[in-house]
Structure formats: structure tokens, C-alpha cells
Amino acid sequence: MRRPPSAPREPVPARLRAPLVALLAALVAASAVLLGAGSAEAAGYRYWSFWEGNGKNWEYATQGPSLLRPDDGAVQGFRFAVSEDSGDAAQPRRAPDFGAICADTPAQDGRKRVALV
């Protein structure tokens, strides 16, 4: 028997709510995976490139940040890159000028000041 359009809807029985919610969650998750599968692919490696400032320019770091021990006043930079090799990786956007970045940070005995860009 069909209910008239103006009749109020009956609530979903409690025993059916949990399976319906689980089904809905599974459908949402599956659609997110399927929609994400068609994303564009860029040529090359995707990674955070690591740079050292020499006062005026950026130089691609020859050691990773876990091995490098910077001096006081050093500038280090990171930039997300999609590149075939380090030769075409994009440099950090800001200039490696420690004085401009950390002008308000005074030197202290026993401490190092390192600017991160």
C-alpha cells in the first residue's frame, strides 16, 4: 500500500540504521578513491628539495637536513619540487638573506640562529 504524498515518513527502524550508515560510509569512501584515481600525473620525482643559502643565492644541498650542522646565521630552504633531477628543481621563493629574515633575533652565547625558508 502506498502512502499519500502528504503523509509523514516513518523513521528508519534502529536495527537498520547501523547497516545503512555503514553502507553509506563505504559508498562515500569508494567514490573518493575512484574520483582520485584519475588525477593528473606529473613527469619526474615529487619531493621536498633542500637548499642552503650562501648569502646571496641558493645552492642545492649536498647533504640532507638530518646530516647538516649549520653555523650561526645560516639560511636553509625547502621547496616542493617535481623534477627529473636536482638540476631543474625550483629554488625557494625568498632570497637567502639572514639579515632580512632574522633582523630582530639577537645573537646569544651557546645558541645558533638558523633561518628556514
N, C-alpha and C. Protein backbone atom coordinates (compact mmCIF):
# COMPACT_ATOMS: atom_id res chain seq x y z
N MET A 1 0.83 -1.16 0.00
CA MET A 1 0.00 0.00 0.00
C MET A 1 0.89 1.24 0.00
N ARG A 2 0.60 2.16 -0.87
CA ARG A 2 1.38 3.39 -0.98
C ARG A 2 0.84 4.42 -0.01
N ARG A 3 1.75 5.19 0.55
CA ARG A 3 1.30 6.26 1.45
C ARG A 3 1.05 7.50 0.64
N PRO A 4 0.12 8.31 1.05
CA PRO A 4 -0.15 9.57 0.33
C PRO A 4 1.05 10.50 0.46
N PRO A 5 1.30 11.38 -0.54
CA PRO A 5 2.46 12.28 -0.51
C PRO A 5 2.51 13.18 0.71
N SER A 6 1.39 13.51 1.29
CA SER A 6 1.38 14.42 2.43
C SER A 6 1.57 13.70 3.76
N ALA A 7 1.57 12.38 3.75
CA ALA A 7 1.72 11.63 4.99
C ALA A 7 3.15 11.72 5.49
N PRO A 8 3.36 11.81 6.81
CA PRO A 8 4.73 11.87 7.35
C PRO A 8 5.45 10.55 7.13
N ARG A 9 6.77 10.64 6.94
CA ARG A 9 7.59 9.45 6.75
C ARG A 9 7.79 8.75 8.08
N GLU A 10 7.85 7.44 8.01
CA GLU A 10 8.12 6.66 9.21
C GLU A 10 9.63 6.61 9.42
N PRO A 11 10.09 6.70 10.67
CA PRO A 11 11.54 6.65 10.92
C PRO A 11 12.09 5.27 10.57
N VAL A 12 13.37 5.26 10.20
CA VAL A 12 14.06 4.00 9.90
C VAL A 12 14.22 3.24 11.22
N PRO A 13 13.84 1.96 11.24
CA PRO A 13 13.99 1.20 12.48
C PRO A 13 15.46 1.17 12.93
N ALA A 14 15.67 1.17 14.23
CA ALA A 14 17.01 1.21 14.81
C ALA A 14 17.88 0.06 14.32
N ARG A 15 17.30 -1.12 14.10
CA ARG A 15 18.07 -2.28 13.68
C ARG A 15 18.61 -2.11 12.26
N LEU A 16 18.05 -1.18 11.47
CA LEU A 16 18.50 -0.95 10.10
C LEU A 16 19.44 0.25 9.98
N ARG A 17 19.51 1.10 11.01
CA ARG A 17 20.32 2.32 10.92
C ARG A 17 21.81 2.02 10.77
N ALA A 18 22.35 1.17 11.61
CA ALA A 18 23.79 0.89 11.57
C ALA A 18 24.22 0.33 10.22
N PRO A 19 23.52 -0.67 9.66
CA PRO A 19 23.93 -1.15 8.34
C PRO A 19 23.81 -0.09 7.25
N LEU A 20 22.79 0.76 7.33
CA LEU A 20 22.64 1.83 6.33
C LEU A 20 23.77 2.85 6.44
N VAL A 21 24.12 3.20 7.65
CA VAL A 21 25.22 4.15 7.86
C VAL A 21 26.52 3.54 7.35
N ALA A 22 26.77 2.27 7.63
CA ALA A 22 27.99 1.61 7.16
C ALA A 22 28.03 1.55 5.64
N LEU A 23 26.90 1.25 5.02
CA LEU A 23 26.82 1.20 3.56
C LEU A 23 27.10 2.58 2.96
N LEU A 24 26.50 3.60 3.55
CA LEU A 24 26.72 4.96 3.06
C LEU A 24 28.19 5.36 3.20
N ALA A 25 28.81 5.03 4.32
CA ALA A 25 30.23 5.35 4.52
C ALA A 25 31.10 4.62 3.51
N ALA A 26 30.79 3.36 3.22
CA ALA A 26 31.56 2.60 2.24
C ALA A 26 31.41 3.20 0.85
N LEU A 27 30.21 3.63 0.49
CA LEU A 27 30.00 4.25 -0.82
C LEU A 27 30.76 5.56 -0.95
N VAL A 28 30.76 6.36 0.09
CA VAL A 28 31.49 7.63 0.06
C VAL A 28 32.99 7.37 -0.07
N ALA A 29 33.51 6.40 0.67
CA ALA A 29 34.95 6.08 0.60
C ALA A 29 35.31 5.56 -0.79
N ALA A 30 34.47 4.68 -1.34
CA ALA A 30 34.75 4.13 -2.67
C ALA A 30 34.72 5.21 -3.73
N SER A 31 33.77 6.14 -3.63
CA SER A 31 33.71 7.21 -4.63
C SER A 31 34.91 8.14 -4.52
N ALA A 32 35.41 8.37 -3.30
CA ALA A 32 36.60 9.22 -3.13
C ALA A 32 37.82 8.56 -3.76
N VAL A 33 37.95 7.25 -3.61
CA VAL A 33 39.07 6.53 -4.21
C VAL A 33 38.97 6.55 -5.72
N LEU A 34 37.79 6.29 -6.24
CA LEU A 34 37.61 6.26 -7.68
C LEU A 34 37.79 7.63 -8.32
N LEU A 35 37.31 8.66 -7.67
CA LEU A 35 37.46 10.01 -8.23
C LEU A 35 38.91 10.46 -8.17
N GLY A 36 39.64 10.04 -7.14
CA GLY A 36 41.05 10.42 -7.02
C GLY A 36 41.94 9.66 -7.97
N ALA A 37 41.48 8.53 -8.50
CA ALA A 37 42.31 7.70 -9.37
C ALA A 37 42.61 8.38 -10.70
N GLY A 38 41.81 9.33 -11.10
CA GLY A 38 42.02 9.98 -12.39
C GLY A 38 42.84 11.24 -12.30
N SER A 39 43.61 11.44 -11.23
CA SER A 39 44.37 12.67 -11.08
C SER A 39 45.51 12.73 -12.10
N ALA A 40 45.91 13.93 -12.42
CA ALA A 40 46.97 14.15 -13.41
C ALA A 40 48.31 13.70 -12.83
N GLU A 41 49.14 13.16 -13.67
CA GLU A 41 50.46 12.74 -13.25
C GLU A 41 51.50 13.67 -13.85
N ALA A 42 52.41 14.12 -13.02
CA ALA A 42 53.49 14.98 -13.49
C ALA A 42 54.71 14.11 -13.77
N ALA A 43 55.51 14.55 -14.71
CA ALA A 43 56.73 13.83 -15.05
C ALA A 43 57.80 14.14 -14.01
N GLY A 44 58.50 13.13 -13.58
CA GLY A 44 59.60 13.35 -12.64
C GLY A 44 59.25 12.93 -11.23
N TYR A 45 60.18 13.23 -10.33
CA TYR A 45 60.02 12.89 -8.91
C TYR A 45 59.33 14.02 -8.18
N ARG A 46 58.55 13.67 -7.17
CA ARG A 46 57.89 14.65 -6.31
C ARG A 46 58.54 14.57 -4.94
N TYR A 47 59.11 15.66 -4.49
CA TYR A 47 59.82 15.64 -3.21
C TYR A 47 60.05 17.06 -2.71
N TRP A 48 60.43 17.17 -1.44
CA TRP A 48 60.83 18.45 -0.88
C TRP A 48 62.32 18.62 -1.13
N SER A 49 62.67 19.55 -2.01
CA SER A 49 64.09 19.81 -2.27
C SER A 49 64.64 20.65 -1.12
N PHE A 50 65.90 20.43 -0.82
CA PHE A 50 66.55 21.09 0.32
C PHE A 50 67.70 21.95 -0.18
N TRP A 51 67.73 23.20 0.29
CA TRP A 51 68.67 24.19 -0.22
C TRP A 51 69.43 24.85 0.92
N GLU A 52 70.64 25.32 0.60
CA GLU A 52 71.44 26.11 1.54
C GLU A 52 71.69 27.47 0.93
N GLY A 53 71.52 28.50 1.72
CA GLY A 53 71.81 29.85 1.25
C GLY A 53 73.27 30.19 1.45
N ASN A 54 73.85 30.88 0.47
CA ASN A 54 75.26 31.29 0.60
C ASN A 54 75.36 32.79 0.85
N GLY A 55 74.27 33.41 1.24
CA GLY A 55 74.25 34.85 1.48
C GLY A 55 73.55 35.62 0.39
N LYS A 56 73.70 35.17 -0.86
CA LYS A 56 73.08 35.86 -1.99
C LYS A 56 72.23 34.92 -2.84
N ASN A 57 72.65 33.66 -2.95
CA ASN A 57 71.97 32.70 -3.82
C ASN A 57 71.68 31.41 -3.07
N TRP A 58 70.85 30.59 -3.69
CA TRP A 58 70.55 29.26 -3.17
C TRP A 58 71.44 28.25 -3.85
N GLU A 59 71.91 27.26 -3.09
CA GLU A 59 72.67 26.14 -3.63
C GLU A 59 71.96 24.86 -3.20
N TYR A 60 71.77 23.96 -4.15
CA TYR A 60 71.13 22.68 -3.83
C TYR A 60 71.99 21.96 -2.80
N ALA A 61 71.42 21.54 -1.70
CA ALA A 61 72.18 20.91 -0.61
C ALA A 61 72.74 19.56 -1.04
N THR A 62 73.98 19.32 -0.66
CA THR A 62 74.62 18.04 -0.99
C THR A 62 74.42 17.02 0.13
N GLN A 63 73.92 17.47 1.27
CA GLN A 63 73.58 16.60 2.39
C GLN A 63 72.14 16.89 2.79
N GLY A 64 71.50 15.90 3.36
CA GLY A 64 70.14 16.09 3.84
C GLY A 64 70.12 16.86 5.14
N PRO A 65 68.96 17.38 5.53
CA PRO A 65 68.86 18.18 6.75
C PRO A 65 69.19 17.40 8.02
N SER A 66 69.09 16.07 7.99
CA SER A 66 69.42 15.29 9.19
C SER A 66 70.93 15.19 9.42
N LEU A 67 71.72 15.41 8.37
CA LEU A 67 73.18 15.32 8.49
C LEU A 67 73.86 16.67 8.61
N LEU A 68 73.25 17.70 8.10
CA LEU A 68 73.87 19.02 8.05
C LEU A 68 73.88 19.68 9.43
N ARG A 69 74.97 20.30 9.78
CA ARG A 69 75.10 21.05 11.04
C ARG A 69 75.38 22.51 10.68
N PRO A 70 74.34 23.33 10.55
CA PRO A 70 74.54 24.71 10.10
C PRO A 70 75.23 25.57 11.14
N ASP A 71 75.91 26.61 10.66
CA ASP A 71 76.54 27.59 11.53
C ASP A 71 75.51 28.63 11.94
N ASP A 72 75.86 29.42 12.96
CA ASP A 72 75.01 30.54 13.36
C ASP A 72 74.89 31.50 12.18
N GLY A 73 73.68 31.91 11.87
CA GLY A 73 73.45 32.84 10.77
C GLY A 73 73.22 32.15 9.43
N ALA A 74 73.09 30.83 9.43
CA ALA A 74 72.86 30.10 8.18
C ALA A 74 71.40 30.23 7.75
N VAL A 75 71.18 30.05 6.45
CA VAL A 75 69.82 30.06 5.90
C VAL A 75 69.63 28.75 5.15
N GLN A 76 68.56 28.04 5.48
CA GLN A 76 68.22 26.80 4.80
C GLN A 76 66.83 26.96 4.21
N GLY A 77 66.59 26.29 3.09
CA GLY A 77 65.30 26.42 2.43
C GLY A 77 64.77 25.09 1.93
N PHE A 78 63.46 24.99 1.86
CA PHE A 78 62.78 23.83 1.31
C PHE A 78 61.81 24.32 0.24
N ARG A 79 61.65 23.53 -0.79
CA ARG A 79 60.66 23.85 -1.83
C ARG A 79 60.18 22.55 -2.43
N PHE A 80 58.87 22.39 -2.51
CA PHE A 80 58.32 21.17 -3.11
C PHE A 80 58.66 21.19 -4.59
N ALA A 81 59.19 20.08 -5.09
CA ALA A 81 59.65 20.03 -6.48
C ALA A 81 59.06 18.83 -7.20
N VAL A 82 58.82 19.02 -8.47
CA VAL A 82 58.52 17.93 -9.39
C VAL A 82 59.58 18.06 -10.47
N SER A 83 60.58 17.17 -10.41
CA SER A 83 61.70 17.32 -11.33
C SER A 83 62.32 15.98 -11.65
N GLU A 84 63.05 15.94 -12.75
CA GLU A 84 63.76 14.74 -13.15
C GLU A 84 65.01 14.55 -12.30
N ASP A 85 65.66 15.65 -11.95
CA ASP A 85 66.84 15.60 -11.09
C ASP A 85 66.99 16.96 -10.41
N SER A 86 68.02 17.14 -9.61
CA SER A 86 68.18 18.39 -8.86
C SER A 86 68.46 19.58 -9.77
N GLY A 87 68.86 19.34 -11.01
CA GLY A 87 69.19 20.43 -11.92
C GLY A 87 68.00 21.28 -12.31
N ASP A 88 66.80 20.72 -12.27
CA ASP A 88 65.64 21.52 -12.65
C ASP A 88 64.67 21.73 -11.49
N ALA A 89 65.11 21.47 -10.26
CA ALA A 89 64.27 21.71 -9.09
C ALA A 89 64.14 23.21 -8.83
N ALA A 90 62.94 23.63 -8.47
CA ALA A 90 62.70 25.06 -8.19
C ALA A 90 63.30 25.44 -6.84
N GLN A 91 63.94 26.61 -6.81
CA GLN A 91 64.54 27.13 -5.58
C GLN A 91 63.47 27.73 -4.69
N PRO A 92 63.77 27.89 -3.39
CA PRO A 92 62.83 28.60 -2.52
C PRO A 92 62.56 30.00 -3.06
N ARG A 93 61.38 30.53 -2.79
CA ARG A 93 60.97 31.81 -3.37
C ARG A 93 61.67 33.02 -2.74
N ARG A 94 61.94 32.95 -1.47
CA ARG A 94 62.53 34.10 -0.78
C ARG A 94 64.06 34.03 -0.87
N ALA A 95 64.70 35.19 -0.95
CA ALA A 95 66.16 35.26 -1.01
C ALA A 95 66.77 34.78 0.31
N PRO A 96 67.93 34.13 0.26
CA PRO A 96 68.56 33.62 1.48
C PRO A 96 69.35 34.68 2.24
N ASP A 97 68.69 35.73 2.62
CA ASP A 97 69.33 36.86 3.30
C ASP A 97 69.00 36.78 4.79
N PHE A 98 69.95 36.25 5.59
CA PHE A 98 69.71 36.06 7.01
C PHE A 98 69.35 37.38 7.70
N GLY A 99 70.03 38.47 7.35
CA GLY A 99 69.76 39.76 7.98
C GLY A 99 68.32 40.22 7.76
N ALA A 100 67.79 39.98 6.58
CA ALA A 100 66.41 40.39 6.30
C ALA A 100 65.40 39.47 6.97
N ILE A 101 65.71 38.20 7.06
CA ILE A 101 64.77 37.24 7.65
C ILE A 101 64.75 37.31 9.16
N CYS A 102 65.92 37.42 9.77
CA CYS A 102 66.04 37.35 11.23
C CYS A 102 66.61 38.62 11.84
N ALA A 103 66.25 39.75 11.30
CA ALA A 103 66.81 41.02 11.76
C ALA A 103 66.54 41.29 13.24
N ASP A 104 65.42 40.80 13.76
CA ASP A 104 65.05 41.08 15.15
C ASP A 104 65.48 39.99 16.13
N THR A 105 66.34 39.08 15.68
CA THR A 105 66.77 37.98 16.55
C THR A 105 68.24 38.18 16.92
N PRO A 106 68.51 38.64 18.13
CA PRO A 106 69.90 38.90 18.52
C PRO A 106 70.67 37.60 18.77
N ALA A 107 71.98 37.67 18.58
CA ALA A 107 72.85 36.52 18.85
C ALA A 107 72.91 36.28 20.35
N GLN A 108 73.03 34.99 20.74
CA GLN A 108 73.16 34.61 22.15
C GLN A 108 74.27 33.59 22.27
N ASP A 109 75.07 33.71 23.33
CA ASP A 109 76.15 32.74 23.56
C ASP A 109 75.57 31.33 23.72
N GLY A 110 76.20 30.37 23.07
CA GLY A 110 75.79 28.98 23.20
C GLY A 110 74.58 28.59 22.37
N ARG A 111 74.08 29.49 21.54
CA ARG A 111 72.91 29.20 20.69
C ARG A 111 73.19 29.53 19.24
N LYS A 112 72.47 28.87 18.35
CA LYS A 112 72.60 29.14 16.92
C LYS A 112 71.29 29.72 16.41
N ARG A 113 71.42 30.64 15.49
CA ARG A 113 70.25 31.17 14.78
C ARG A 113 70.32 30.66 13.35
N VAL A 114 69.26 29.96 12.94
CA VAL A 114 69.20 29.41 11.60
C VAL A 114 67.86 29.82 11.00
N ALA A 115 67.90 30.48 9.87
CA ALA A 115 66.66 30.89 9.20
C ALA A 115 66.17 29.76 8.29
N LEU A 116 64.88 29.48 8.32
CA LEU A 116 64.27 28.48 7.45
C LEU A 116 63.31 29.16 6.51
N VAL A 117 63.45 28.86 5.24
CA VAL A 117 62.56 29.43 4.21
C VAL A 117 61.82 28.30 3.55
